[in-house]
Amino acid sequence: MISCDEAAVICSKTQYREAGLWEGLQLRMHLLICKSCASFSRKNQQLSNLCDQAVIKTLTTEEKSRLKERLQSNPSKDP
């Protein structure tokens, strides 16, 4: 039987499809017995789903460079 700490690691690996078959089986067995880890696993999956659905816009490399240059050429006068 795996520990709760090991279950948390395998849970995260499973969500990113990095866990092997044996690890997945060990996790499922643990989740049948440990309700705390089962709850953690459900909440972790919900969080992953929300992150996948979020429309997150990040700056391109070019936009980052322009912003960096602007900040360096016009430093804030506030201490």
Protein backbone atom coordinates (compact mmCIF):
# COMPACT_ATOMS: atom_id res chain seq x y z
CA MET A 1 0.00 0.00 0.00
CA ILE A 2 1.31 3.44 -0.92
CA SER A 3 1.38 6.38 1.48
CA CYS A 4 -0.77 9.48 1.12
CA ASP A 5 2.30 11.46 0.02
CA GLU A 6 3.01 8.93 -2.72
CA ALA A 7 -0.66 9.01 -3.72
CA ALA A 8 -0.53 12.80 -4.12
CA VAL A 9 2.51 12.54 -6.40
CA ILE A 10 0.93 9.78 -8.50
CA CYS A 11 -2.33 11.74 -8.65
CA SER A 12 -0.53 14.68 -10.22
CA LYS A 13 1.39 12.41 -12.58
CA THR A 14 -1.86 10.74 -13.64
CA GLN A 15 -3.49 14.04 -14.56
CA TYR A 16 -0.55 14.86 -16.86
CA ARG A 17 -0.55 11.30 -18.25
CA GLU A 18 2.90 10.63 -16.81
CA ALA A 19 1.95 7.78 -14.46
CA GLY A 20 2.53 4.21 -15.49
CA LEU A 21 -0.03 1.44 -15.37
CA TRP A 22 1.23 0.09 -12.04
CA GLU A 23 1.20 3.54 -10.43
CA GLY A 24 -2.35 4.12 -11.66
CA LEU A 25 -3.49 0.84 -10.13
CA GLN A 26 -1.78 1.63 -6.84
CA LEU A 27 -3.46 5.04 -6.79
CA ARG A 28 -6.89 3.59 -7.46
CA MET A 29 -6.49 1.08 -4.64
CA HIS A 30 -5.38 3.83 -2.28
CA LEU A 31 -8.31 6.07 -3.28
CA LEU A 32 -10.76 3.28 -2.47
CA ILE A 33 -9.47 3.20 1.09
CA CYS A 34 -8.43 6.79 1.80
CA LYS A 35 -11.29 9.29 1.55
CA SER A 36 -8.98 12.28 2.13
CA CYS A 37 -6.88 11.39 -0.89
CA ALA A 38 -10.01 10.67 -2.94
CA SER A 39 -11.25 14.17 -2.13
CA PHE A 40 -7.85 15.65 -3.00
CA SER A 41 -7.87 13.78 -6.29
CA ARG A 42 -11.34 15.09 -7.23
CA LYS A 43 -10.43 18.67 -6.34
CA ASN A 44 -7.13 18.43 -8.18
CA GLN A 45 -8.96 17.18 -11.29
CA GLN A 46 -11.47 20.03 -11.04
CA LEU A 47 -8.64 22.56 -10.80
CA SER A 48 -6.92 21.04 -13.82
CA ASN A 49 -10.17 21.20 -15.80
CA LEU A 50 -10.68 24.86 -14.88
CA CYS A 51 -7.12 25.70 -15.94
CA ASP A 52 -7.68 23.92 -19.25
CA GLN A 53 -10.86 25.94 -19.85
CA ALA A 54 -9.32 29.29 -18.92
CA VAL A 55 -8.45 31.61 -21.77
CA ILE A 56 -5.08 32.90 -20.69
CA LYS A 57 -3.19 35.33 -22.89
CA THR A 58 0.50 35.71 -22.35
CA LEU A 59 2.88 38.18 -23.91
CA THR A 60 4.90 37.10 -26.91
CA THR A 61 8.69 37.22 -26.70
CA GLU A 62 8.66 40.37 -28.81
CA GLU A 63 6.09 42.06 -26.54
CA LYS A 64 8.14 41.14 -23.47
CA SER A 65 11.27 42.65 -25.03
CA ARG A 66 9.50 45.89 -25.91
CA LEU A 67 8.04 46.17 -22.41
CA LYS A 68 11.42 45.49 -20.83
CA GLU A 69 13.06 48.19 -22.97
CA ARG A 70 10.31 50.65 -22.09
CA LEU A 71 10.70 49.97 -18.37
CA GLN A 72 14.48 50.32 -18.54
CA SER A 73 14.33 53.60 -20.46
CA ASN A 74 11.65 55.11 -18.17
CA PRO A 75 12.42 53.96 -14.62
CA SER A 76 9.87 54.84 -11.97
CA LYS A 77 10.59 57.97 -9.99
CA ASP A 78 8.88 56.55 -6.88
CA PRO A 79 11.19 54.98 -4.27
